[in-house]
Amino acid sequence: MSLDDRAEELASDLGVDKQEVKADLENLVEYSVPVEEAVQSLRRKYGDGDGGGSDAPTVDTIEEITTADASVSVTARVLTVGTREIQYDGERQVIYEGELADDTDRIGYTAWEDFALEPGETVTIGNASVREFQGTPEINLNDATTVTRESDTLDVPYPVGGRRELADLSVGDRGRTVEVLIEEVESRTINGRDGETTIKSGVLADESGRLPFTDWTDRPELTEGATLRLSDVYVREFRGVPEVNLSQFSTVDTLDRSIEPSATAQRFSIGEAVGTGGVYDVEVVGTVVGVRDGSGLIERCPECNRVIQNGQCRTHGDVDGEPDLRTKAILDDGTGTLTVVLDDELTAAVYGGNLDAAQEAAREAMDQSVVGEAIAEEIVGFPYRVRGHLSVDEYGANLDASTFERVQDDPSERAQAVLSEVGQ
């Protein structure tokens, strides 16, 4: 249903002017408020305070809650509480978010007011609205919601509190606490909503793995080699992988213990890796079964570094391209496939020559595709161990390789490993 149709339906229900409702609805959606939440907000604004017509909120277990529910009431245990500031309706808004659970399931929540929720307490939440977040229902606590503390503690099959290892974090996590080593860090200046601001970014590590991070307040404690406890952090997607984010409400404490990260990456089958939706540091082993178009000698836009075709950049139009080397190899292990992307250095290593050599070969053949063909001859049909950062989107799975090593092993052992992966 279009926004115009939503506005017309809402105006009819509430008995108010359609254009006024439409303007308010468009304004809320423009500031990234989900449509259903915007509709509920306008119902409250124009006097339909129950947020869903004459229907009373349903009393549910968490597993019964769906995005079709207008409002719900539920008794649950508070697992985590996080605090963050967002832009809402053109103004800054502090929100409180985390997870709730009962003995049937758990669910994310966002509180638009401070209900003073604490991890571990049991509460009955009344008249909370429901929205969709990343394909699943999430409940919203607003000015029409009631929160009642219960004296009896609800037993739930989920950990209370936000402490997690890096390997256990997922996009959408909020109110998490991690104990980490700062492996890499750099400061840079960006144009934020308040003008130029300095932030820090880099790589965190613990015994379970590694993840990138961004600190939006440039804390001095975040220095390379420091071991820290980062509390009240949230996780968002950045370039297809989870990224730990520190807001102004996050706290940083020095650890009195050392952290020894693993020298190796997490090892997955390709099917498992793709199923995660994205992994920052992963190792897979498979056979190169092909090389995609756009491999070998390519040209990039000097402005945005995107690969161009026939002197045309999608963003900057006609440009004088800058030559580069790249390989897009298809890797298969019997459980799935992904595209391994090799940068100029790794491509030069498998090609056996640098950019100058590739350009010379293309000139002699009067065809730059000869470079990609030579790379394919070198790697197709051979097994490789690949380490790098995996992203998964609607276009497929891509692994930006940091290492690309041919596996020197026994073919029969390789075949047995593939069979065991697929459960044969």
Protein backbone atom coordinates (compact mmCIF):
# COMPACT_ATOMS: atom_id res chain seq x y z
CA MET A 1 0.00 0.00 0.00
CA SER A 2 1.39 3.41 -1.00
CA LEU A 3 1.89 6.29 1.45
CA ASP A 4 -0.95 8.13 -0.29
CA ASP A 5 -3.30 5.20 0.27
CA ARG A 6 -2.13 4.86 3.88
CA ALA A 7 -2.78 8.56 4.45
CA GLU A 8 -6.26 8.34 2.91
CA GLU A 9 -7.16 5.31 5.03
CA LEU A 10 -5.77 6.90 8.19
CA ALA A 11 -7.54 10.23 7.55
CA SER A 12 -10.83 8.37 7.03
CA ASP A 13 -10.41 6.40 10.27
CA LEU A 14 -9.50 9.48 12.29
CA GLY A 15 -11.83 11.97 10.63
CA VAL A 16 -9.10 14.49 9.85
CA ASP A 17 -7.75 16.20 6.72
CA LYS A 18 -5.95 13.80 4.35
CA GLN A 19 -3.31 16.30 3.22
CA GLU A 20 -2.35 17.09 6.80
CA VAL A 21 -2.05 13.41 7.66
CA LYS A 22 -0.08 12.74 4.46
CA ALA A 23 2.38 15.54 5.22
CA ASP A 24 2.95 14.19 8.74
CA LEU A 25 3.32 10.62 7.47
CA GLU A 26 5.86 11.61 4.80
CA ASN A 27 7.83 13.60 7.34
CA LEU A 28 8.12 10.65 9.71
CA VAL A 29 9.09 8.21 6.96
CA GLU A 30 11.70 10.68 5.67
CA TYR A 31 13.43 10.38 9.04
CA SER A 32 13.58 6.58 8.78
CA VAL A 33 10.61 5.87 11.04
CA PRO A 34 9.06 2.57 9.86
CA VAL A 35 5.68 3.07 8.22
CA GLU A 36 3.74 1.04 10.79
CA GLU A 37 5.34 2.93 13.67
CA ALA A 38 4.61 6.22 11.90
CA VAL A 39 0.95 5.23 11.49
CA GLN A 40 0.67 4.37 15.19
CA SER A 41 2.34 7.67 16.10
CA LEU A 42 -0.19 9.62 14.05
CA ARG A 43 -3.08 7.69 15.55
CA ARG A 44 -1.90 8.85 18.96
CA LYS A 45 -1.35 12.41 17.74
CA TYR A 46 -4.86 12.74 16.34
CA GLY A 47 -6.57 11.24 19.33
CA ASP A 48 -6.95 7.52 18.56
CA GLY A 49 -4.94 6.73 21.66
CA ASP A 50 -5.28 2.95 21.58
CA GLY A 51 -2.95 2.95 18.51
CA GLY A 52 -5.08 0.51 16.57
CA GLY A 53 -8.73 1.48 16.30
CA SER A 54 -11.06 -0.30 18.70
CA ASP A 55 -8.99 -3.44 19.01
CA ALA A 56 -7.61 -4.04 22.50
CA PRO A 57 -3.99 -5.17 22.81
CA THR A 58 -3.58 -8.91 22.77
CA VAL A 59 -1.87 -10.79 25.60
CA ASP A 60 0.80 -12.94 24.04
CA THR A 61 3.72 -15.17 24.58
CA ILE A 62 6.66 -13.81 22.62
CA GLU A 63 6.63 -16.61 20.06
CA GLU A 64 3.04 -15.63 19.14
CA ILE A 65 3.88 -12.00 18.35
CA THR A 66 3.82 -11.18 14.63
CA THR A 67 4.11 -8.01 12.57
CA ALA A 68 0.37 -8.26 11.94
CA ASP A 69 -0.30 -7.35 15.60
CA ALA A 70 -1.19 -3.68 16.17
CA SER A 71 -0.36 -3.79 19.87
CA VAL A 72 0.49 -6.44 22.44
CA SER A 73 0.87 -7.02 26.16
CA VAL A 74 3.44 -9.51 27.39
CA THR A 75 5.26 -10.59 30.55
CA ALA A 76 8.98 -11.02 29.93
CA ARG A 77 12.48 -10.94 31.39
CA VAL A 78 14.73 -8.06 30.36
CA LEU A 79 17.89 -9.54 28.83
CA THR A 80 19.74 -6.40 27.73
CA VAL A 81 19.40 -2.62 27.81
CA GLY A 82 21.24 -0.26 25.49
CA THR A 83 21.07 3.51 25.05
CA ARG A 84 21.52 5.40 21.78
CA GLU A 85 20.73 8.76 20.22
CA ILE A 86 19.01 9.00 16.84
CA GLN A 87 17.47 11.67 14.62
CA TYR A 88 13.66 11.51 14.91
CA ASP A 89 11.23 13.97 13.36
CA GLY A 90 14.11 16.36 12.78
CA GLU A 91 15.22 16.31 16.40
CA ARG A 92 17.61 14.28 18.50
CA GLN A 93 15.94 11.47 20.39
CA VAL A 94 17.46 9.19 23.03
CA ILE A 95 16.11 5.65 22.74
CA TYR A 96 16.56 2.56 24.89
CA GLU A 97 16.80 -0.80 23.16
CA GLY A 98 17.68 -4.42 23.71
CA GLU A 99 16.06 -7.83 24.08
CA LEU A 100 13.22 -9.33 26.09
CA ALA A 101 12.51 -13.03 26.59
CA ASP A 102 10.01 -15.44 28.05
CA ASP A 103 10.11 -19.24 28.07
CA THR A 104 8.94 -19.39 24.43
CA ASP A 105 11.27 -16.99 22.58
CA ARG A 106 13.05 -13.65 22.68
CA ILE A 107 12.36 -10.39 20.88
CA GLY A 108 14.00 -7.03 20.32
CA TYR A 109 12.48 -3.87 21.74
CA THR A 110 12.87 -0.11 21.41
CA ALA A 111 11.67 2.21 24.20
CA TRP A 112 11.02 5.80 23.15
CA GLU A 113 10.90 6.88 26.79
CA ASP A 114 13.09 5.91 29.74
CA PHE A 115 11.20 3.16 31.53
CA ALA A 116 14.31 2.50 33.69
CA LEU A 117 14.50 -1.12 32.52
CA GLU A 118 17.26 -3.20 34.10
CA PRO A 119 18.73 -6.51 32.81
CA GLY A 120 17.37 -9.44 34.79
CA GLU A 121 14.11 -7.91 36.00
CA THR A 122 10.72 -9.36 35.07
CA VAL A 123 8.15 -6.92 33.73
CA THR A 124 4.67 -6.92 32.27
CA ILE A 125 4.54 -4.59 29.29
CA GLY A 126 1.11 -3.34 28.28
CA ASN A 127 -0.04 -1.77 25.01
CA ALA A 128 3.26 -1.95 23.15
CA SER A 129 3.12 -1.51 19.37
CA VAL A 130 4.74 -3.94 16.96
CA ARG A 131 6.90 -3.17 13.94
CA GLU A 132 9.10 -5.15 11.59
CA PHE A 133 12.87 -4.91 12.09
CA GLN A 134 15.22 -6.84 9.78
CA GLY A 135 12.40 -9.19 8.81
CA THR A 136 11.27 -10.04 12.35
CA PRO A 137 8.78 -8.45 14.78
CA GLU A 138 10.05 -5.97 17.37
CA ILE A 139 8.01 -4.28 20.06
CA ASN A 140 8.00 -0.53 20.65
CA LEU A 141 7.39 1.03 24.06
CA ASN A 142 5.91 4.51 23.78
CA ASP A 143 3.88 7.04 25.77
CA ALA A 144 0.82 4.73 25.61
CA THR A 145 2.76 1.78 27.04
CA THR A 146 2.70 0.66 30.67
CA VAL A 147 5.51 -1.23 32.46
CA THR A 148 4.80 -3.14 35.67
CA ARG A 149 7.57 -4.79 37.72
CA GLU A 150 6.81 -8.36 38.79
CA SER A 151 7.98 -9.81 42.10
CA ASP A 152 8.42 -13.32 40.70
CA THR A 153 11.38 -13.87 38.39
CA LEU A 154 10.55 -15.46 35.06
CA ASP A 155 12.84 -18.35 34.12
CA VAL A 156 14.09 -18.03 30.54
CA PRO A 157 16.46 -20.22 28.48
CA TYR A 158 18.61 -17.24 27.41
CA PRO A 159 21.59 -15.46 28.99
CA VAL A 160 20.77 -12.30 30.92
CA GLY A 161 23.14 -9.41 30.27
CA GLY A 162 24.99 -8.20 27.23
CA ARG A 163 28.39 -9.94 27.60
CA ARG A 164 29.34 -11.64 24.34
CA GLU A 165 32.40 -12.80 22.41
CA LEU A 166 32.99 -11.14 19.07
CA ALA A 167 32.13 -14.30 17.13
CA ASP A 168 28.67 -14.32 18.74
CA LEU A 169 27.71 -10.78 17.70
CA SER A 170 25.16 -10.21 14.95
CA VAL A 171 23.89 -7.20 13.07
CA GLY A 172 21.13 -5.58 15.14
CA ASP A 173 22.61 -6.51 18.55
CA ARG A 174 22.25 -3.73 21.11
CA GLY A 175 23.39 -3.23 24.68
CA ARG A 176 26.32 -5.63 24.27
CA THR A 177 29.55 -5.81 26.29
CA VAL A 178 32.80 -7.16 24.82
CA GLU A 179 36.30 -7.60 26.22
CA VAL A 180 38.78 -6.99 23.44
CA LEU A 181 42.25 -6.13 22.26
CA ILE A 182 42.55 -3.09 19.98
CA GLU A 183 44.54 -4.55 17.07
CA GLU A 184 44.28 -1.59 14.71
CA VAL A 185 43.03 1.96 15.17
CA GLU A 186 43.05 5.21 13.24
CA SER A 187 41.42 8.61 13.65
CA ARG A 188 39.78 10.49 10.83
CA THR A 189 37.61 13.55 10.34
CA ILE A 190 34.17 13.24 8.77
CA ASN A 191 31.32 15.62 8.01
CA GLY A 192 28.70 14.64 10.57
CA ARG A 193 25.31 16.13 11.38
CA ASP A 194 27.05 18.71 13.60
CA GLY A 195 29.73 19.53 11.04
CA GLU A 196 33.26 18.16 11.08
CA THR A 197 33.89 15.59 13.78
CA THR A 198 36.73 13.18 14.59
CA ILE A 199 35.99 9.48 14.95
CA LYS A 200 38.07 6.37 15.47
CA SER A 201 37.87 3.12 13.57
CA GLY A 202 39.88 -0.07 13.38
CA VAL A 203 39.84 -3.74 14.32
CA LEU A 204 38.92 -5.44 17.60
CA ALA A 205 40.06 -8.95 18.51
CA ASP A 206 39.38 -11.51 21.21
CA GLU A 207 39.94 -15.25 21.50
CA SER A 208 36.96 -15.95 19.24
CA GLY A 209 37.64 -13.70 16.27
CA ARG A 210 37.91 -10.15 14.92
CA LEU A 211 35.48 -7.39 13.97
CA PRO A 212 35.81 -3.83 12.72
CA PHE A 213 34.67 -1.01 15.00
CA THR A 214 33.78 2.67 14.92
CA ASP A 215 33.90 4.98 17.93
CA TRP A 216 31.82 8.06 17.21
CA THR A 217 33.33 10.08 20.08
CA ASP A 218 37.10 9.61 19.52
CA ARG A 219 37.86 8.20 22.97
CA PRO A 220 41.53 8.48 23.99
CA GLU A 221 41.50 5.02 25.65
CA LEU A 222 41.18 3.32 22.27
CA THR A 223 44.83 2.92 21.36
CA GLU A 224 46.58 0.09 19.54
CA GLY A 225 47.47 -2.73 21.93
CA ALA A 226 45.02 -1.70 24.68
CA THR A 227 42.86 -4.38 26.31
CA LEU A 228 39.45 -2.94 27.16
CA ARG A 229 35.91 -3.73 28.25
CA LEU A 230 33.47 -1.95 25.93
CA SER A 231 29.97 -1.76 27.40
CA ASP A 232 26.67 -0.72 25.82
CA VAL A 233 27.86 -1.10 22.23
CA TYR A 234 25.64 -1.88 19.26
CA VAL A 235 26.25 -3.78 16.03
CA ARG A 236 25.34 -2.57 12.56
CA GLU A 237 26.23 -3.74 9.06
CA PHE A 238 29.14 -2.05 7.32
CA ARG A 239 30.25 -3.19 3.88
CA GLY A 240 28.41 -6.45 4.35
CA VAL A 241 29.88 -7.50 7.72
CA PRO A 242 29.00 -6.83 11.38
CA GLU A 243 30.67 -3.74 12.87
CA VAL A 244 30.87 -2.82 16.57
CA ASN A 245 29.78 0.77 17.24
CA LEU A 246 30.46 2.88 20.33
CA SER A 247 27.99 5.70 20.96
CA GLN A 248 28.22 8.55 23.43
CA PHE A 249 26.52 6.26 25.97
CA SER A 250 29.06 3.44 25.65
CA THR A 251 31.60 3.02 28.45
CA VAL A 252 35.23 1.95 28.20
CA ASP A 253 37.18 0.32 31.04
CA THR A 254 40.74 -0.97 31.09
CA LEU A 255 41.12 -4.73 31.59
CA ASP A 256 43.64 -6.15 34.04
CA ARG A 257 44.19 -9.22 31.87
CA SER A 258 45.80 -9.89 28.53
CA ILE A 259 43.93 -11.13 25.47
CA GLU A 260 45.58 -13.54 23.07
CA PRO A 261 43.71 -13.50 19.74
CA SER A 262 43.94 -16.53 17.54
CA ALA A 263 46.43 -16.27 14.68
CA THR A 264 43.96 -18.08 12.46
CA ALA A 265 40.58 -17.02 11.16
CA GLN A 266 37.28 -18.77 11.86
CA ARG A 267 37.08 -21.84 9.59
CA PHE A 268 33.80 -22.56 7.81
CA SER A 269 32.54 -24.54 4.90
CA ILE A 270 31.39 -22.19 2.16
CA GLY A 271 27.76 -23.06 2.82
CA GLU A 272 28.14 -22.25 6.52
CA ALA A 273 29.99 -19.01 5.80
CA VAL A 274 27.38 -17.78 3.33
CA GLY A 275 24.64 -18.74 5.78
CA THR A 276 26.01 -16.32 8.40
CA GLY A 277 25.15 -13.38 6.16
CA GLY A 278 28.67 -11.96 6.45
CA VAL A 279 31.88 -12.66 8.39
CA TYR A 280 34.73 -10.20 8.92
CA ASP A 281 37.60 -12.68 9.19
CA VAL A 282 36.95 -16.15 7.78
CA GLU A 283 38.85 -18.99 6.14
CA VAL A 284 37.39 -21.36 3.56
CA VAL A 285 38.88 -24.06 1.36
CA GLY A 286 37.53 -24.97 -2.05
CA THR A 287 38.31 -25.50 -5.70
CA VAL A 288 38.38 -22.64 -8.19
CA VAL A 289 35.84 -23.66 -10.84
CA GLY A 290 35.89 -20.52 -12.95
CA VAL A 291 36.91 -16.89 -13.31
CA ARG A 292 34.28 -14.20 -13.79
CA ASP A 293 34.22 -11.49 -16.40
CA GLY A 294 35.96 -8.36 -15.22
CA SER A 295 39.05 -10.23 -14.10
CA GLY A 296 42.60 -9.46 -15.16
CA LEU A 297 43.45 -6.03 -16.55
CA ILE A 298 40.74 -3.51 -15.69
CA GLU A 299 40.26 0.25 -15.50
CA ARG A 300 39.01 2.25 -12.52
CA CYS A 301 37.44 5.67 -12.18
CA PRO A 302 40.03 8.15 -10.85
CA GLU A 303 37.30 9.82 -8.75
CA CYS A 304 35.52 6.95 -7.00
CA ASN A 305 37.75 3.93 -7.82
CA ARG A 306 34.83 1.96 -9.29
CA VAL A 307 35.55 -0.34 -12.22
CA ILE A 308 34.54 1.37 -15.47
CA GLN A 309 33.45 0.01 -18.84
CA ASN A 310 34.40 1.65 -22.14
CA GLY A 311 35.57 4.80 -20.36
CA GLN A 312 32.22 5.23 -18.56
CA CYS A 313 31.76 5.51 -14.79
CA ARG A 314 28.23 5.04 -13.46
CA THR A 315 28.68 8.07 -11.22
CA HIS A 316 31.12 10.37 -13.04
CA GLY A 317 30.37 9.64 -16.70
CA ASP A 318 33.25 9.92 -19.20
CA VAL A 319 36.58 9.51 -17.41
CA ASP A 320 40.15 8.60 -18.24
CA GLY A 321 40.41 5.25 -16.50
CA GLU A 322 43.36 4.19 -14.39
CA PRO A 323 44.66 0.65 -15.07
CA ASP A 324 44.56 -1.95 -12.31
CA LEU A 325 44.61 -5.71 -11.72
CA ARG A 326 41.79 -7.73 -10.20
CA THR A 327 40.57 -11.32 -10.14
CA LYS A 328 37.08 -12.62 -9.40
CA ALA A 329 37.41 -16.37 -8.89
CA ILE A 330 34.49 -18.73 -8.27
CA LEU A 331 35.24 -21.05 -5.34
CA ASP A 332 33.26 -24.24 -4.68
CA ASP A 333 33.59 -26.82 -1.90
CA GLY A 334 30.49 -28.92 -2.46
CA THR A 335 28.44 -27.06 0.16
CA GLY A 336 28.18 -23.79 -1.76
CA THR A 337 29.95 -21.25 -3.93
CA LEU A 338 31.23 -17.73 -3.51
CA THR A 339 33.28 -15.22 -5.47
CA VAL A 340 36.81 -14.61 -4.23
CA VAL A 341 38.01 -11.10 -5.07
CA LEU A 342 41.80 -10.73 -5.35
CA ASP A 343 43.34 -7.25 -5.22
CA ASP A 344 46.18 -6.06 -7.45
CA GLU A 345 48.93 -7.69 -5.34
CA LEU A 346 47.28 -11.10 -5.08
CA THR A 347 46.32 -10.98 -8.75
CA ALA A 348 49.90 -10.15 -9.73
CA ALA A 349 51.08 -13.13 -7.68
CA VAL A 350 48.83 -15.64 -9.46
CA TYR A 351 49.37 -14.00 -12.87
CA GLY A 352 53.13 -14.07 -12.44
CA GLY A 353 53.62 -10.45 -13.46
CA ASN A 354 52.88 -6.92 -12.33
CA LEU A 355 50.66 -4.25 -13.89
CA ASP A 356 53.33 -3.24 -16.42
CA ALA A 357 53.70 -6.84 -17.58
CA ALA A 358 49.93 -7.20 -17.92
CA GLN A 359 49.67 -4.00 -19.98
CA GLU A 360 52.51 -5.15 -22.24
CA ALA A 361 50.81 -8.51 -22.81
CA ALA A 362 47.54 -6.75 -23.67
CA ARG A 363 49.30 -4.44 -26.14
CA GLU A 364 51.02 -7.33 -27.89
CA ALA A 365 47.76 -9.23 -28.23
CA MET A 366 45.78 -6.05 -28.89
CA ASP A 367 43.28 -7.52 -26.42
CA GLN A 368 43.33 -6.99 -22.65
CA SER A 369 41.23 -10.12 -22.06
CA VAL A 370 44.40 -12.21 -22.51
CA VAL A 371 45.40 -11.30 -18.94
CA GLY A 372 42.21 -12.73 -17.44
CA GLU A 373 42.56 -15.82 -19.62
CA ALA A 374 46.12 -16.38 -18.40
CA ILE A 375 44.98 -16.07 -14.77
CA ALA A 376 42.20 -18.59 -15.37
CA GLU A 377 44.72 -21.09 -16.77
CA GLU A 378 46.77 -20.75 -13.60
CA ILE A 379 44.05 -21.19 -10.98
CA VAL A 380 40.97 -22.96 -12.40
CA GLY A 381 40.72 -26.58 -11.30
CA PHE A 382 43.00 -26.20 -8.28
CA PRO A 383 42.13 -26.12 -4.57
CA TYR A 384 42.82 -22.95 -2.57
CA ARG A 385 42.73 -21.90 1.05
CA VAL A 386 41.35 -18.38 1.23
CA ARG A 387 41.16 -15.95 4.13
CA GLY A 388 39.37 -12.62 4.10
CA HIS A 389 36.16 -10.69 4.72
CA LEU A 390 32.91 -12.19 3.45
CA SER A 391 29.87 -10.09 2.51
CA VAL A 392 26.53 -11.47 1.34
CA ASP A 393 23.83 -9.47 -0.45
CA GLU A 394 21.17 -9.88 -3.13
CA TYR A 395 23.91 -10.17 -5.74
CA GLY A 396 25.64 -13.10 -4.05
CA ALA A 397 28.55 -13.83 -1.71
CA ASN A 398 31.90 -12.10 -2.14
CA LEU A 399 35.05 -12.78 -0.17
CA ASP A 400 37.66 -9.99 -0.30
CA ALA A 401 40.79 -12.08 0.08
CA SER A 402 43.74 -11.20 2.27
CA THR A 403 45.45 -14.53 1.52
CA PHE A 404 45.00 -16.92 -1.43
CA GLU A 405 47.10 -20.06 -1.14
CA ARG A 406 47.02 -23.19 -3.28
CA VAL A 407 46.41 -26.28 -1.15
CA GLN A 408 48.97 -29.03 -1.61
CA ASP A 409 47.07 -32.05 -0.38
CA ASP A 410 45.94 -35.48 -1.45
CA PRO A 411 42.95 -35.40 -3.88
CA SER A 412 41.27 -38.36 -2.16
CA GLU A 413 41.46 -36.58 1.20
CA ARG A 414 39.98 -33.51 -0.41
CA ALA A 415 37.08 -35.51 -1.83
CA GLN A 416 36.43 -37.12 1.55
CA ALA A 417 36.40 -33.70 3.23
CA VAL A 418 33.81 -32.44 0.73
CA LEU A 419 31.64 -35.51 1.28
CA SER A 420 31.75 -35.06 5.03
CA GLU A 421 30.76 -31.39 4.65
CA VAL A 422 27.62 -32.30 2.70
CA GLY A 423 26.78 -35.11 5.09
CA GLN A 424 27.42 -38.09 2.79
